[in-house]
Amino acid sequence: MMGRGQLDQDQLTQDVRGLSDEAAVQALAAVVEELGLLDAARRYDWDDAELGETLDAGYVAEYLSPAQPVASEGELARTTLMYAASLGEDMARTVKEAADFARSPGERSLFVTIGVPVLVVVLLQTEVLVKRDTRGKWSLTIHKKAMKDAALGRVFTALLSRIGGGQ
């Protein structure tokens, strides 16, 4: 039985899964904004292809099968939102509010200039590190220790699929 004010995780999961691709991206951006990470997201100027070039094929193969389809931006956003909602009651509430916001009618194009992989990396900043070397090349480091978490593993699989183009 849920305590007063607790969210129903199953219902929240269904709500997030039911978001359209566009609404899922908007909800993810709203979560990043609510956490005060939007400015950090704007500082990254890499794109999926540029970062994908830095991925080690062997590392990617650990998480993706050769026939793995590339995750859509919406799928990556939904997977990340479900992971974020699993981090605790406060984050679940933030995800629910963001999903409700994204489903509501009105203009939601505030965040279209920030790529979904950037939003994911910024949200997962304790597990993912993106940095630029002295020659201007970007690199991606994913901390493997967290792979025990199945939800986080799904996020990384979708992220690697998206930026690695299904390598």
C-alpha atoms as a PDB file:
ATOM      1  CA  MET A   1       0.000   0.000   0.000  1.00  0.00           C
ATOM      2  CA  MET A   2       1.311   3.438  -0.900  1.00  0.00           C
ATOM      3  CA  GLY A   3       1.799   6.035   1.760  1.00  0.00           C
ATOM      4  CA  ARG A   4       0.157   9.402   1.511  1.00  0.00           C
ATOM      5  CA  GLY A   5       1.679  11.416  -1.322  1.00  0.00           C
ATOM      6  CA  GLN A   6       3.674   8.502  -2.792  1.00  0.00           C
ATOM      7  CA  LEU A   7       3.557   7.991  -6.517  1.00  0.00           C
ATOM      8  CA  ASP A   8       2.363   4.801  -8.142  1.00  0.00           C
ATOM      9  CA  GLN A   9       5.557   3.682  -9.971  1.00  0.00           C
ATOM     10  CA  ASP A  10       3.653   1.337 -12.286  1.00  0.00           C
ATOM     11  CA  GLN A  11       1.317   4.133 -13.345  1.00  0.00           C
ATOM     12  CA  LEU A  12       4.245   6.513 -13.819  1.00  0.00           C
ATOM     13  CA  THR A  13       6.017   3.923 -15.980  1.00  0.00           C
ATOM     14  CA  GLN A  14       2.877   3.555 -18.106  1.00  0.00           C
ATOM     15  CA  ASP A  15       2.537   7.343 -18.364  1.00  0.00           C
ATOM     16  CA  VAL A  16       6.147   7.695 -19.535  1.00  0.00           C
ATOM     17  CA  ARG A  17       5.831   4.807 -22.003  1.00  0.00           C
ATOM     18  CA  GLY A  18       2.710   6.485 -23.403  1.00  0.00           C
ATOM     19  CA  LEU A  19       4.499   9.749 -24.220  1.00  0.00           C
ATOM     20  CA  SER A  20       4.968  10.523 -27.892  1.00  0.00           C
ATOM     21  CA  ASP A  21       8.584  10.908 -29.016  1.00  0.00           C
ATOM     22  CA  GLU A  22       8.247  14.689 -28.986  1.00  0.00           C
ATOM     23  CA  ALA A  23       6.588  14.759 -25.561  1.00  0.00           C
ATOM     24  CA  ALA A  24       9.231  12.389 -24.126  1.00  0.00           C
ATOM     25  CA  VAL A  25      12.024  14.673 -25.349  1.00  0.00           C
ATOM     26  CA  GLN A  26      10.239  17.700 -23.883  1.00  0.00           C
ATOM     27  CA  ALA A  27       9.727  15.890 -20.561  1.00  0.00           C
ATOM     28  CA  LEU A  28      13.407  14.932 -20.421  1.00  0.00           C
ATOM     29  CA  ALA A  29      14.407  18.519 -21.121  1.00  0.00           C
ATOM     30  CA  ALA A  30      12.017  19.712 -18.413  1.00  0.00           C
ATOM     31  CA  VAL A  31      13.617  17.318 -15.895  1.00  0.00           C
ATOM     32  CA  VAL A  32      17.083  18.567 -16.844  1.00  0.00           C
ATOM     33  CA  GLU A  33      15.862  22.147 -16.443  1.00  0.00           C
ATOM     34  CA  GLU A  34      14.203  21.410 -13.092  1.00  0.00           C
ATOM     35  CA  LEU A  35      17.481  19.938 -11.812  1.00  0.00           C
ATOM     36  CA  GLY A  36      19.328  23.115 -12.813  1.00  0.00           C
ATOM     37  CA  LEU A  37      21.381  21.319 -15.471  1.00  0.00           C
ATOM     38  CA  LEU A  38      20.171  23.094 -18.608  1.00  0.00           C
ATOM     39  CA  ASP A  39      23.135  25.498 -18.676  1.00  0.00           C
ATOM     40  CA  ALA A  40      25.511  22.538 -18.459  1.00  0.00           C
ATOM     41  CA  ALA A  41      23.685  20.909 -21.381  1.00  0.00           C
ATOM     42  CA  ARG A  42      24.076  24.050 -23.458  1.00  0.00           C
ATOM     43  CA  ARG A  43      27.870  23.991 -22.940  1.00  0.00           C
ATOM     44  CA  TYR A  44      28.256  20.741 -24.884  1.00  0.00           C
ATOM     45  CA  ASP A  45      28.585  21.414 -28.585  1.00  0.00           C
ATOM     46  CA  TRP A  46      29.132  17.862 -29.855  1.00  0.00           C
ATOM     47  CA  ASP A  47      26.720  16.028 -32.052  1.00  0.00           C
ATOM     48  CA  ASP A  48      25.833  12.355 -32.158  1.00  0.00           C
ATOM     49  CA  ALA A  49      28.067  11.602 -35.153  1.00  0.00           C
ATOM     50  CA  GLU A  50      31.121  13.352 -33.672  1.00  0.00           C
ATOM     51  CA  LEU A  51      30.801  11.536 -30.368  1.00  0.00           C
ATOM     52  CA  GLY A  52      29.984   8.275 -32.138  1.00  0.00           C
ATOM     53  CA  GLU A  53      33.382   8.441 -33.857  1.00  0.00           C
ATOM     54  CA  THR A  54      35.084   8.241 -30.458  1.00  0.00           C
ATOM     55  CA  LEU A  55      33.344   5.038 -29.359  1.00  0.00           C
ATOM     56  CA  ASP A  56      35.433   1.899 -29.156  1.00  0.00           C
ATOM     57  CA  ALA A  57      33.710  -0.790 -31.233  1.00  0.00           C
ATOM     58  CA  GLY A  58      34.591  -3.479 -28.666  1.00  0.00           C
ATOM     59  CA  TYR A  59      33.038  -1.470 -25.859  1.00  0.00           C
ATOM     60  CA  VAL A  60      29.890  -0.825 -27.870  1.00  0.00           C
ATOM     61  CA  ALA A  61      29.670  -4.541 -28.755  1.00  0.00           C
ATOM     62  CA  GLU A  62      29.382  -5.335 -25.021  1.00  0.00           C
ATOM     63  CA  TYR A  63      26.027  -3.575 -24.948  1.00  0.00           C
ATOM     64  CA  LEU A  64      24.702  -3.799 -28.491  1.00  0.00           C
ATOM     65  CA  SER A  65      24.156  -6.685 -30.829  1.00  0.00           C
ATOM     66  CA  PRO A  66      25.193  -6.061 -34.444  1.00  0.00           C
ATOM     67  CA  ALA A  67      21.533  -5.995 -35.506  1.00  0.00           C
ATOM     68  CA  GLN A  68      20.499  -3.612 -32.693  1.00  0.00           C
ATOM     69  CA  PRO A  69      18.264  -0.923 -34.152  1.00  0.00           C
ATOM     70  CA  VAL A  70      19.213   2.665 -33.463  1.00  0.00           C
ATOM     71  CA  ALA A  71      17.094   4.004 -30.617  1.00  0.00           C
ATOM     72  CA  SER A  72      14.899   6.922 -31.578  1.00  0.00           C
ATOM     73  CA  GLU A  73      15.300  10.151 -29.630  1.00  0.00           C
ATOM     74  CA  GLY A  74      11.919   9.474 -28.050  1.00  0.00           C
ATOM     75  CA  GLU A  75      12.888   5.951 -26.980  1.00  0.00           C
ATOM     76  CA  LEU A  76      16.135   7.221 -25.470  1.00  0.00           C
ATOM     77  CA  ALA A  77      14.212   9.961 -23.648  1.00  0.00           C
ATOM     78  CA  ARG A  78      11.546   7.538 -22.348  1.00  0.00           C
ATOM     79  CA  THR A  79      14.173   5.039 -21.165  1.00  0.00           C
ATOM     80  CA  THR A  80      16.058   7.816 -19.374  1.00  0.00           C
ATOM     81  CA  LEU A  81      12.886   9.167 -17.772  1.00  0.00           C
ATOM     82  CA  MET A  82      12.001   5.696 -16.453  1.00  0.00           C
ATOM     83  CA  TYR A  83      15.493   5.323 -15.005  1.00  0.00           C
ATOM     84  CA  ALA A  84      15.329   8.797 -13.429  1.00  0.00           C
ATOM     85  CA  ALA A  85      11.933   7.982 -11.889  1.00  0.00           C
ATOM     86  CA  SER A  86      13.492   4.937 -10.208  1.00  0.00           C
ATOM     87  CA  LEU A  87      16.018   7.092  -8.330  1.00  0.00           C
ATOM     88  CA  GLY A  88      13.650   8.016  -5.524  1.00  0.00           C
ATOM     89  CA  GLU A  89      10.386   9.684  -4.631  1.00  0.00           C
ATOM     90  CA  ASP A  90      11.564  13.252  -5.339  1.00  0.00           C
ATOM     91  CA  MET A  91      12.900  12.362  -8.772  1.00  0.00           C
ATOM     92  CA  ALA A  92       9.783  10.321  -9.551  1.00  0.00           C
ATOM     93  CA  ARG A  93       7.662  13.352  -8.707  1.00  0.00           C
ATOM     94  CA  THR A  94       9.855  15.531 -10.952  1.00  0.00           C
ATOM     95  CA  VAL A  95       9.461  13.048 -13.822  1.00  0.00           C
ATOM     96  CA  LYS A  96       5.676  12.918 -13.320  1.00  0.00           C
ATOM     97  CA  GLU A  97       5.414  16.702 -13.369  1.00  0.00           C
ATOM     98  CA  ALA A  98       7.620  16.884 -16.458  1.00  0.00           C
ATOM     99  CA  ALA A  99       5.524  14.238 -18.242  1.00  0.00           C
ATOM    100  CA  ASP A 100       2.324  16.082 -17.351  1.00  0.00           C
ATOM    101  CA  PHE A 101       3.885  19.337 -18.614  1.00  0.00           C
ATOM    102  CA  ALA A 102       4.980  17.718 -21.884  1.00  0.00           C
ATOM    103  CA  ARG A 103       1.497  16.271 -22.500  1.00  0.00           C
ATOM    104  CA  SER A 104      -0.271  19.551 -21.828  1.00  0.00           C
ATOM    105  CA  PRO A 105      -1.320  21.655 -24.814  1.00  0.00           C
ATOM    106  CA  GLY A 106       0.854  24.586 -25.749  1.00  0.00           C
ATOM    107  CA  GLU A 107       4.211  25.505 -27.221  1.00  0.00           C
ATOM    108  CA  ARG A 108       6.977  23.160 -26.053  1.00  0.00           C
ATOM    109  CA  SER A 109       9.877  24.051 -28.365  1.00  0.00           C
ATOM    110  CA  LEU A 110      12.142  25.658 -25.762  1.00  0.00           C
ATOM    111  CA  PHE A 111      14.671  22.847 -25.840  1.00  0.00           C
ATOM    112  CA  VAL A 112      14.828  21.772 -29.476  1.00  0.00           C
ATOM    113  CA  THR A 113      18.379  23.045 -29.889  1.00  0.00           C
ATOM    114  CA  ILE A 114      19.765  20.583 -27.324  1.00  0.00           C
ATOM    115  CA  GLY A 115      20.196  17.009 -28.539  1.00  0.00           C
ATOM    116  CA  VAL A 116      18.671  14.180 -26.556  1.00  0.00           C
ATOM    117  CA  PRO A 117      22.038  12.429 -26.022  1.00  0.00           C
ATOM    118  CA  VAL A 118      23.357  15.650 -24.471  1.00  0.00           C
ATOM    119  CA  LEU A 119      20.353  15.814 -22.132  1.00  0.00           C
ATOM    120  CA  VAL A 120      20.928  12.172 -21.149  1.00  0.00           C
ATOM    121  CA  VAL A 121      24.650  12.662 -20.514  1.00  0.00           C
ATOM    122  CA  VAL A 122      24.000  15.763 -18.404  1.00  0.00           C
ATOM    123  CA  LEU A 123      21.307  13.988 -16.396  1.00  0.00           C
ATOM    124  CA  LEU A 124      23.639  11.024 -15.835  1.00  0.00           C
ATOM    125  CA  GLN A 125      26.666  13.182 -15.132  1.00  0.00           C
ATOM    126  CA  THR A 126      27.804  10.991 -12.247  1.00  0.00           C
ATOM    127  CA  GLU A 127      27.910   7.960 -14.563  1.00  0.00           C
ATOM    128  CA  VAL A 128      28.979   9.531 -17.881  1.00  0.00           C
ATOM    129  CA  LEU A 129      31.833  11.937 -18.553  1.00  0.00           C
ATOM    130  CA  VAL A 130      32.204  13.822 -21.810  1.00  0.00           C
ATOM    131  CA  LYS A 131      35.318  15.910 -22.317  1.00  0.00           C
ATOM    132  CA  ARG A 132      37.268  17.577 -25.111  1.00  0.00           C
ATOM    133  CA  ASP A 133      41.002  17.044 -25.610  1.00  0.00           C
ATOM    134  CA  THR A 134      43.545  19.671 -26.661  1.00  0.00           C
ATOM    135  CA  ARG A 135      42.915  18.890 -30.358  1.00  0.00           C
ATOM    136  CA  GLY A 136      39.200  19.546 -29.995  1.00  0.00           C
ATOM    137  CA  LYS A 137      38.074  15.886 -30.114  1.00  0.00           C
ATOM    138  CA  TRP A 138      35.328  14.801 -27.760  1.00  0.00           C
ATOM    139  CA  SER A 139      35.523  11.609 -25.722  1.00  0.00           C
ATOM    140  CA  LEU A 140      32.956   9.661 -23.759  1.00  0.00           C
ATOM    141  CA  THR A 141      33.644   7.683 -20.581  1.00  0.00           C
ATOM    142  CA  ILE A 142      30.921   5.505 -19.085  1.00  0.00           C
ATOM    143  CA  HIS A 143      31.485   4.199 -15.564  1.00  0.00           C
ATOM    144  CA  LYS A 144      30.817   0.467 -15.789  1.00  0.00           C
ATOM    145  CA  LYS A 145      30.256   0.007 -12.059  1.00  0.00           C
ATOM    146  CA  ALA A 146      26.633   1.056 -12.441  1.00  0.00           C
ATOM    147  CA  MET A 147      25.839  -1.588 -15.050  1.00  0.00           C
ATOM    148  CA  LYS A 148      24.375  -3.760 -12.283  1.00  0.00           C
ATOM    149  CA  ASP A 149      21.316  -1.510 -12.441  1.00  0.00           C
ATOM    150  CA  ALA A 150      19.146  -2.934 -15.235  1.00  0.00           C
ATOM    151  CA  ALA A 151      17.329   0.377 -15.815  1.00  0.00           C
ATOM    152  CA  LEU A 152      20.621   2.234 -16.161  1.00  0.00           C
ATOM    153  CA  GLY A 153      21.907  -0.480 -18.465  1.00  0.00           C
ATOM    154  CA  ARG A 154      18.892   0.096 -20.733  1.00  0.00           C
ATOM    155  CA  VAL A 155      19.672   3.827 -20.800  1.00  0.00           C
ATOM    156  CA  PHE A 156      23.293   3.166 -21.767  1.00  0.00           C
ATOM    157  CA  THR A 157      22.243   0.666 -24.425  1.00  0.00           C
ATOM    158  CA  ALA A 158      19.865   3.211 -25.966  1.00  0.00           C
ATOM    159  CA  LEU A 159      22.457   6.003 -25.665  1.00  0.00           C
ATOM    160  CA  LEU A 160      25.201   3.927 -27.294  1.00  0.00           C
ATOM    161  CA  SER A 161      22.777   2.878 -30.002  1.00  0.00           C
ATOM    162  CA  ARG A 162      21.824   6.491 -30.663  1.00  0.00           C
ATOM    163  CA  ILE A 163      25.329   7.947 -30.778  1.00  0.00           C
ATOM    164  CA  GLY A 164      27.000   4.874 -32.212  1.00  0.00           C
ATOM    165  CA  GLY A 165      24.483   4.434 -34.982  1.00  0.00           C
ATOM    166  CA  GLY A 166      24.016   0.772 -34.102  1.00  0.00           C
ATOM    167  CA  GLN A 167      27.720  -0.070 -34.707  1.00  0.00           C
END
